[in-house]
């Protein structure tokens, strides 16, 4: 199963043709996942842009199962954050939280930010 990152959601909203094969793959799996953090990021940009963007974002997100960030995800995020910090690496806190959700639910994260997410040991990441 797969979980899509914000960059993918934005590409879908912009009509990026490279996103179509991924959407088709997700449709074959019968369920589309993203995280509540990705939803936040999408809405933040949409509200900045305007009412039409907000409605388009709501419509798109209604087609996804949005996974919440719970206490087990918080623990995993803390572990990831501390591990990276000990190695002298940094990663945006939101990306750490997204990675924790994907990891906790054993999902492959679909993103174009493979370089960032590949720092996280054990996280399954796939570019699109």
Protein backbone atom coordinates (compact mmCIF):
# COMPACT_ATOMS: atom_id res chain seq x y z
CA UNK A 1 0.00 0.00 0.00
CA UNK A 2 1.10 3.54 -0.70
CA UNK A 3 0.82 6.97 0.88
CA UNK A 4 1.24 10.10 -1.23
CA UNK A 5 3.23 13.15 -0.25
CA UNK A 6 2.14 16.76 -0.69
CA UNK A 7 4.18 17.23 -3.86
CA UNK A 8 2.08 14.53 -5.51
CA UNK A 9 -1.20 16.09 -4.37
CA UNK A 10 -0.11 19.44 -5.76
CA UNK A 11 0.84 17.83 -9.06
CA UNK A 12 -2.63 16.27 -9.32
CA UNK A 13 -4.25 19.66 -8.69
CA UNK A 14 -2.07 21.24 -11.36
CA UNK A 15 -2.96 18.55 -13.90
CA UNK A 16 0.58 17.18 -14.10
CA UNK A 17 0.33 14.28 -16.55
CA UNK A 18 3.14 12.40 -14.81
CA UNK A 19 0.79 11.84 -11.85
CA UNK A 20 -1.76 9.87 -13.91
CA UNK A 21 0.03 6.48 -13.78
CA UNK A 22 0.31 6.77 -10.00
CA UNK A 23 -3.39 7.60 -9.64
CA UNK A 24 -4.20 4.58 -11.82
CA UNK A 25 -1.98 2.39 -9.64
CA UNK A 26 -3.68 3.67 -6.49
CA UNK A 27 -7.08 3.00 -8.07
CA UNK A 28 -6.07 -0.61 -8.69
CA UNK A 29 -5.19 -0.90 -4.99
CA UNK A 30 -8.72 0.38 -4.24
CA UNK A 31 -7.62 2.89 -1.59
CA UNK A 32 -5.67 6.10 -1.61
CA UNK A 33 -3.74 7.19 1.48
CA UNK A 34 -2.20 10.44 2.59
CA UNK A 35 -1.49 11.86 6.03
CA UNK A 36 -3.14 14.61 8.02
CA UNK A 37 0.17 16.47 7.78
CA UNK A 38 0.01 16.36 3.98
CA UNK A 39 -3.59 17.61 4.16
CA UNK A 40 -2.41 20.50 6.35
CA UNK A 41 0.34 21.42 3.89
CA UNK A 42 -2.09 21.31 0.97
CA UNK A 43 -4.68 23.43 2.78
CA UNK A 44 -2.05 25.95 3.90
CA UNK A 45 -1.09 26.57 0.28
CA UNK A 46 -4.70 26.58 -0.84
CA UNK A 47 -5.83 29.13 1.73
CA UNK A 48 -2.91 31.30 0.74
CA UNK A 49 -3.94 31.03 -2.91
CA UNK A 50 -7.68 31.56 -2.59
CA UNK A 51 -11.18 30.12 -2.33
CA UNK A 52 -11.06 28.12 -5.58
CA UNK A 53 -7.85 26.38 -4.48
CA UNK A 54 -9.44 25.51 -1.13
CA UNK A 55 -12.43 23.89 -2.85
CA UNK A 56 -10.17 21.98 -5.26
CA UNK A 57 -8.08 20.74 -2.32
CA UNK A 58 -11.18 19.62 -0.40
CA UNK A 59 -12.43 17.77 -3.45
CA UNK A 60 -9.10 16.01 -4.00
CA UNK A 61 -8.63 15.08 -0.35
CA UNK A 62 -12.16 13.65 -0.20
CA UNK A 63 -10.85 10.87 -2.47
CA UNK A 64 -8.15 9.86 0.03
CA UNK A 65 -8.14 8.10 3.36
CA UNK A 66 -6.36 10.62 5.58
CA UNK A 67 -4.30 8.93 8.27
CA UNK A 68 -4.10 10.79 11.56
CA UNK A 69 -0.96 11.47 13.56
CA UNK A 70 -1.50 9.59 16.82
CA UNK A 71 0.61 8.74 19.87
CA UNK A 72 2.38 5.81 18.20
CA UNK A 73 3.25 8.08 15.28
CA UNK A 74 4.49 10.70 17.74
CA UNK A 75 6.82 8.16 19.32
CA UNK A 76 8.10 7.04 15.92
CA UNK A 77 8.62 10.66 14.85
CA UNK A 78 10.58 11.33 18.02
CA UNK A 79 12.78 8.32 17.31
CA UNK A 80 13.37 9.40 13.69
CA UNK A 81 14.10 13.00 14.67
CA UNK A 82 16.57 12.00 17.41
CA UNK A 83 18.31 9.44 15.18
CA UNK A 84 18.82 11.98 12.42
CA UNK A 85 20.00 14.63 14.87
CA UNK A 86 22.58 12.24 16.36
CA UNK A 87 23.90 11.65 12.83
CA UNK A 88 24.17 15.40 12.23
CA UNK A 89 21.34 15.33 9.71
CA UNK A 90 18.28 17.48 9.72
CA UNK A 91 14.85 17.11 8.21
CA UNK A 92 11.82 19.37 8.42
CA UNK A 93 9.63 18.35 11.37
CA UNK A 94 6.59 17.93 9.10
CA UNK A 95 8.55 15.52 6.89
CA UNK A 96 9.59 13.57 9.99
CA UNK A 97 5.92 13.34 11.00
CA UNK A 98 4.87 12.21 7.50
CA UNK A 99 7.61 9.58 7.52
CA UNK A 100 6.51 8.36 10.95
CA UNK A 101 2.93 7.86 9.77
CA UNK A 102 4.02 6.02 6.63
CA UNK A 103 6.43 3.87 8.62
CA UNK A 104 3.93 3.05 11.37
CA UNK A 105 1.36 1.88 8.84
CA UNK A 106 3.95 0.09 6.68
CA UNK A 107 3.15 2.27 3.66
CA UNK A 108 5.44 3.22 0.81
CA UNK A 109 5.75 6.99 0.61
CA UNK A 110 5.26 8.30 -2.93
CA UNK A 111 7.26 11.52 -3.28
CA UNK A 112 9.71 13.37 -5.45
CA UNK A 113 11.65 14.28 -2.31
CA UNK A 114 13.38 10.90 -2.21
CA UNK A 115 16.70 12.49 -1.22
CA UNK A 116 15.20 13.89 1.98
CA UNK A 117 13.18 10.87 2.97
CA UNK A 118 15.88 8.33 2.12
CA UNK A 119 17.78 9.53 5.22
CA UNK A 120 15.24 7.64 7.30
CA UNK A 121 16.27 4.06 7.86
CA UNK A 122 13.57 1.51 7.10
CA UNK A 123 11.20 3.94 5.40
CA UNK A 124 9.94 2.70 2.04
CA UNK A 125 10.13 5.53 -0.46
CA UNK A 126 9.28 5.58 -4.14
CA UNK A 127 9.66 8.41 -6.62
CA UNK A 128 6.98 9.11 -9.18
